[in-house]
């Protein structure tokens, strides 16, 4: 299966950016890695209250199938983390690496 990469841009609620990053790093990243995703980087745009990151998957399932596995996993449910509590909007774009 081909590698799929998404560029994800999240607009975070006022005053929640640092808390979002903390929970993303401590809870979301470890589970994503455990499920075979790779994280290409993450950035904070404080001026616009945005969080930007790259996530990729290359494996036997499609990105969408593996993403559904992430969302339905008991570990994800146990996080008790509703993105709507932190995020105003999300923009997920599938991108191709070119040099």
N, C-alpha and C. Protein backbone atom coordinates (compact mmCIF):
# COMPACT_ATOMS: atom_id res chain seq x y z
N UNK A 1 0.85 -1.17 0.00
CA UNK A 1 0.00 0.00 0.00
C UNK A 1 0.89 1.24 0.00
N UNK A 2 0.48 2.26 -0.72
CA UNK A 2 1.25 3.49 -0.81
C UNK A 2 1.15 4.30 0.48
N UNK A 3 2.16 5.08 0.71
CA UNK A 3 2.19 5.96 1.89
C UNK A 3 1.23 7.12 1.66
N UNK A 4 0.42 7.40 2.65
CA UNK A 4 -0.50 8.54 2.62
C UNK A 4 -0.11 9.49 3.74
N UNK A 5 -0.03 10.77 3.40
CA UNK A 5 0.32 11.79 4.38
C UNK A 5 -0.77 12.86 4.39
N UNK A 6 -1.14 13.26 5.58
CA UNK A 6 -2.08 14.36 5.73
C UNK A 6 -1.42 15.52 6.45
N UNK A 7 -1.69 16.71 5.95
CA UNK A 7 -1.31 17.95 6.61
C UNK A 7 -2.57 18.41 7.34
N UNK A 8 -2.48 18.47 8.65
CA UNK A 8 -3.65 18.82 9.46
C UNK A 8 -3.43 20.16 10.13
N UNK A 9 -4.38 21.06 9.93
CA UNK A 9 -4.33 22.39 10.53
C UNK A 9 -5.56 22.55 11.41
N UNK A 10 -5.32 22.80 12.68
CA UNK A 10 -6.41 22.95 13.64
C UNK A 10 -6.40 24.37 14.18
N UNK A 11 -7.55 25.01 14.18
CA UNK A 11 -7.72 26.27 14.87
C UNK A 11 -8.22 25.94 16.27
N UNK A 12 -7.47 26.37 17.28
CA UNK A 12 -7.71 25.99 18.66
C UNK A 12 -8.44 27.11 19.39
N UNK A 13 -9.31 26.73 20.28
CA UNK A 13 -10.06 27.71 21.08
C UNK A 13 -9.10 28.62 21.86
N UNK A 14 -9.49 29.86 22.02
CA UNK A 14 -8.67 30.82 22.77
C UNK A 14 -8.31 30.27 24.14
N UNK A 15 -7.03 30.39 24.48
CA UNK A 15 -6.55 29.96 25.78
C UNK A 15 -6.33 28.47 25.94
N UNK A 16 -6.56 27.69 24.88
CA UNK A 16 -6.48 26.23 24.98
C UNK A 16 -5.30 25.63 24.21
N UNK A 17 -4.51 26.45 23.55
CA UNK A 17 -3.45 25.94 22.68
C UNK A 17 -2.44 25.08 23.42
N UNK A 18 -1.92 25.57 24.52
CA UNK A 18 -0.91 24.80 25.26
C UNK A 18 -1.49 23.51 25.83
N UNK A 19 -2.71 23.57 26.33
CA UNK A 19 -3.35 22.37 26.87
C UNK A 19 -3.59 21.36 25.75
N UNK A 20 -4.02 21.83 24.58
CA UNK A 20 -4.22 20.92 23.43
C UNK A 20 -2.91 20.23 23.08
N UNK A 21 -1.84 21.00 22.94
CA UNK A 21 -0.54 20.44 22.58
C UNK A 21 -0.09 19.41 23.62
N UNK A 22 -0.30 19.72 24.87
CA UNK A 22 0.08 18.80 25.95
C UNK A 22 -0.67 17.46 25.83
N UNK A 23 -1.97 17.53 25.61
CA UNK A 23 -2.75 16.30 25.50
C UNK A 23 -2.43 15.56 24.20
N UNK A 24 -2.22 16.30 23.11
CA UNK A 24 -1.87 15.69 21.82
C UNK A 24 -0.58 14.89 21.98
N UNK A 25 0.42 15.53 22.58
CA UNK A 25 1.74 14.90 22.75
C UNK A 25 1.67 13.69 23.69
N UNK A 26 0.96 13.82 24.79
CA UNK A 26 0.94 12.77 25.82
C UNK A 26 -0.01 11.62 25.50
N UNK A 27 -1.10 11.89 24.79
CA UNK A 27 -2.13 10.87 24.59
C UNK A 27 -2.32 10.44 23.14
N UNK A 28 -2.42 11.41 22.25
CA UNK A 28 -2.72 11.09 20.85
C UNK A 28 -1.50 10.49 20.15
N UNK A 29 -0.36 11.14 20.27
CA UNK A 29 0.84 10.67 19.57
C UNK A 29 1.20 9.23 19.92
N UNK A 30 1.28 8.84 21.19
CA UNK A 30 1.65 7.45 21.49
C UNK A 30 0.71 6.41 20.86
N UNK A 31 -0.58 6.69 20.87
CA UNK A 31 -1.52 5.74 20.27
C UNK A 31 -1.39 5.72 18.76
N UNK A 32 -1.22 6.87 18.15
CA UNK A 32 -1.02 6.91 16.69
C UNK A 32 0.22 6.09 16.31
N UNK A 33 1.31 6.26 17.04
CA UNK A 33 2.54 5.52 16.76
C UNK A 33 2.33 4.02 16.97
N UNK A 34 1.64 3.67 18.03
CA UNK A 34 1.35 2.25 18.31
C UNK A 34 0.56 1.61 17.17
N UNK A 35 -0.29 2.39 16.52
CA UNK A 35 -1.11 1.87 15.43
C UNK A 35 -0.45 1.98 14.06
N UNK A 36 0.83 2.35 14.04
CA UNK A 36 1.58 2.34 12.79
C UNK A 36 1.65 3.65 12.03
N UNK A 37 1.11 4.71 12.59
CA UNK A 37 1.23 6.02 11.96
C UNK A 37 2.61 6.59 12.27
N UNK A 38 3.05 7.52 11.45
CA UNK A 38 4.25 8.29 11.74
C UNK A 38 3.87 9.77 11.79
N UNK A 39 4.56 10.50 12.63
CA UNK A 39 4.33 11.93 12.77
C UNK A 39 5.52 12.64 12.14
N UNK A 40 5.26 13.45 11.13
CA UNK A 40 6.33 14.12 10.40
C UNK A 40 6.75 15.44 11.00
N UNK A 41 6.03 15.90 12.00
CA UNK A 41 6.35 17.16 12.65
C UNK A 41 5.08 17.81 13.14
N UNK A 42 5.24 18.77 14.03
CA UNK A 42 4.11 19.53 14.56
C UNK A 42 4.59 20.94 14.88
N UNK A 43 3.73 21.91 14.61
CA UNK A 43 4.08 23.31 14.79
C UNK A 43 2.92 24.06 15.41
N UNK A 44 3.26 25.11 16.13
CA UNK A 44 2.27 25.99 16.74
C UNK A 44 2.39 27.37 16.09
N UNK A 45 1.26 27.91 15.68
CA UNK A 45 1.17 29.28 15.16
C UNK A 45 0.36 30.06 16.20
N UNK A 46 1.06 30.63 17.15
CA UNK A 46 0.39 31.31 18.27
C UNK A 46 -0.41 32.54 17.80
N UNK A 47 0.11 33.23 16.80
CA UNK A 47 -0.56 34.43 16.31
C UNK A 47 -1.97 34.12 15.80
N UNK A 48 -2.14 32.97 15.18
CA UNK A 48 -3.44 32.57 14.62
C UNK A 48 -4.14 31.50 15.45
N UNK A 49 -3.53 31.14 16.59
CA UNK A 49 -4.10 30.11 17.47
C UNK A 49 -4.28 28.79 16.72
N UNK A 50 -3.24 28.40 15.99
CA UNK A 50 -3.32 27.19 15.17
C UNK A 50 -2.26 26.18 15.55
N UNK A 51 -2.63 24.94 15.33
CA UNK A 51 -1.75 23.80 15.54
C UNK A 51 -1.70 23.05 14.21
N UNK A 52 -0.50 22.82 13.69
CA UNK A 52 -0.31 22.19 12.39
C UNK A 52 0.58 20.98 12.56
N UNK A 53 0.17 19.85 11.92
CA UNK A 53 1.01 18.65 12.02
C UNK A 53 0.87 17.79 10.79
N UNK A 54 1.87 16.92 10.60
CA UNK A 54 1.88 15.95 9.50
C UNK A 54 1.75 14.56 10.09
N UNK A 55 0.85 13.78 9.54
CA UNK A 55 0.65 12.40 9.95
C UNK A 55 0.63 11.53 8.70
N UNK A 56 1.33 10.39 8.76
CA UNK A 56 1.40 9.48 7.61
C UNK A 56 1.09 8.06 8.04
N UNK A 57 0.67 7.28 7.05
CA UNK A 57 0.47 5.85 7.27
C UNK A 57 0.83 5.12 5.98
N UNK A 58 1.58 4.04 6.17
CA UNK A 58 1.92 3.15 5.05
C UNK A 58 1.84 1.73 5.60
N UNK A 59 0.87 0.99 5.16
CA UNK A 59 0.69 -0.35 5.67
C UNK A 59 -0.35 -1.11 4.87
N UNK A 60 -0.82 -2.23 5.42
CA UNK A 60 -1.74 -3.07 4.68
C UNK A 60 -3.13 -2.46 4.49
N UNK A 61 -3.54 -1.56 5.40
CA UNK A 61 -4.83 -0.91 5.25
C UNK A 61 -4.65 0.46 4.58
N UNK A 62 -5.74 1.05 4.17
CA UNK A 62 -5.68 2.43 3.69
C UNK A 62 -5.56 3.36 4.90
N UNK A 63 -5.20 4.59 4.64
CA UNK A 63 -5.15 5.58 5.71
C UNK A 63 -6.50 5.68 6.40
N UNK A 64 -7.57 5.73 5.60
CA UNK A 64 -8.92 5.86 6.17
C UNK A 64 -9.28 4.67 7.05
N UNK A 65 -8.93 3.48 6.62
CA UNK A 65 -9.22 2.28 7.42
C UNK A 65 -8.44 2.31 8.73
N UNK A 66 -7.17 2.67 8.66
CA UNK A 66 -6.35 2.71 9.87
C UNK A 66 -6.81 3.84 10.79
N UNK A 67 -7.23 4.95 10.20
CA UNK A 67 -7.75 6.06 10.99
C UNK A 67 -9.02 5.65 11.73
N UNK A 68 -9.88 4.91 11.06
CA UNK A 68 -11.10 4.39 11.70
C UNK A 68 -10.73 3.46 12.85
N UNK A 69 -9.69 2.66 12.68
CA UNK A 69 -9.22 1.78 13.74
C UNK A 69 -8.77 2.59 14.95
N UNK A 70 -8.07 3.69 14.69
CA UNK A 70 -7.65 4.59 15.77
C UNK A 70 -8.87 5.09 16.55
N UNK A 71 -9.84 5.64 15.84
CA UNK A 71 -11.01 6.23 16.49
C UNK A 71 -11.85 5.22 17.24
N UNK A 72 -11.89 3.98 16.79
CA UNK A 72 -12.72 2.96 17.44
C UNK A 72 -11.98 2.16 18.51
N UNK A 73 -10.69 2.43 18.68
CA UNK A 73 -9.90 1.66 19.63
C UNK A 73 -10.31 1.96 21.07
N UNK A 74 -10.25 0.95 21.94
CA UNK A 74 -10.55 1.16 23.35
C UNK A 74 -9.62 2.21 23.98
N UNK A 75 -8.37 2.26 23.55
CA UNK A 75 -7.43 3.23 24.10
C UNK A 75 -7.86 4.66 23.76
N UNK A 76 -8.36 4.87 22.54
CA UNK A 76 -8.84 6.21 22.15
C UNK A 76 -10.07 6.59 22.96
N UNK A 77 -10.97 5.65 23.13
CA UNK A 77 -12.18 5.92 23.91
C UNK A 77 -11.82 6.23 25.37
N UNK A 78 -10.81 5.57 25.90
CA UNK A 78 -10.40 5.76 27.30
C UNK A 78 -9.78 7.13 27.54
N UNK A 79 -9.34 7.81 26.49
CA UNK A 79 -8.73 9.14 26.65
C UNK A 79 -9.72 10.16 27.21
N UNK A 80 -11.00 9.95 26.94
CA UNK A 80 -12.00 10.93 27.34
C UNK A 80 -11.59 12.32 26.83
N UNK A 81 -11.28 12.35 25.53
CA UNK A 81 -10.80 13.57 24.89
C UNK A 81 -11.69 13.87 23.68
N UNK A 82 -12.51 14.89 23.81
CA UNK A 82 -13.38 15.31 22.71
C UNK A 82 -12.69 16.49 22.03
N UNK A 83 -12.28 16.31 20.77
CA UNK A 83 -11.60 17.41 20.07
C UNK A 83 -12.40 18.70 20.06
N UNK A 84 -13.73 18.60 20.06
CA UNK A 84 -14.56 19.81 20.03
C UNK A 84 -14.38 20.67 21.28
N UNK A 85 -13.89 20.09 22.36
CA UNK A 85 -13.62 20.87 23.56
C UNK A 85 -12.43 21.80 23.36
N UNK A 86 -11.58 21.50 22.40
CA UNK A 86 -10.35 22.25 22.17
C UNK A 86 -10.31 22.96 20.82
N UNK A 87 -10.94 22.37 19.81
CA UNK A 87 -10.76 22.84 18.44
C UNK A 87 -12.00 23.56 17.90
N UNK A 88 -11.76 24.70 17.27
CA UNK A 88 -12.81 25.46 16.61
C UNK A 88 -13.08 24.87 15.23
N UNK A 89 -11.99 24.52 14.53
CA UNK A 89 -12.11 23.95 13.19
C UNK A 89 -10.88 23.12 12.86
N UNK A 90 -11.05 22.24 11.89
CA UNK A 90 -9.94 21.42 11.40
C UNK A 90 -9.93 21.45 9.88
N UNK A 91 -8.74 21.35 9.34
CA UNK A 91 -8.56 21.28 7.89
C UNK A 91 -7.54 20.18 7.64
N UNK A 92 -7.99 19.04 7.11
CA UNK A 92 -7.13 17.90 6.83
C UNK A 92 -6.97 17.77 5.32
N UNK A 93 -5.72 17.81 4.87
CA UNK A 93 -5.44 17.72 3.44
C UNK A 93 -4.45 16.60 3.18
N UNK A 94 -4.79 15.75 2.23
CA UNK A 94 -3.85 14.72 1.82
C UNK A 94 -2.84 15.37 0.87
N UNK A 95 -1.56 15.20 1.17
CA UNK A 95 -0.50 15.85 0.41
C UNK A 95 0.50 14.80 -0.08
N UNK A 96 1.21 15.14 -1.13
CA UNK A 96 2.24 14.29 -1.69
C UNK A 96 3.60 14.98 -1.51
N UNK A 97 4.57 14.20 -1.12
CA UNK A 97 5.91 14.73 -0.94
C UNK A 97 6.59 14.89 -2.30
N UNK A 98 7.15 16.05 -2.54
CA UNK A 98 7.88 16.36 -3.77
C UNK A 98 9.11 17.16 -3.41
N UNK A 99 10.18 16.88 -4.05
CA UNK A 99 11.41 17.63 -3.79
C UNK A 99 11.75 18.46 -4.97
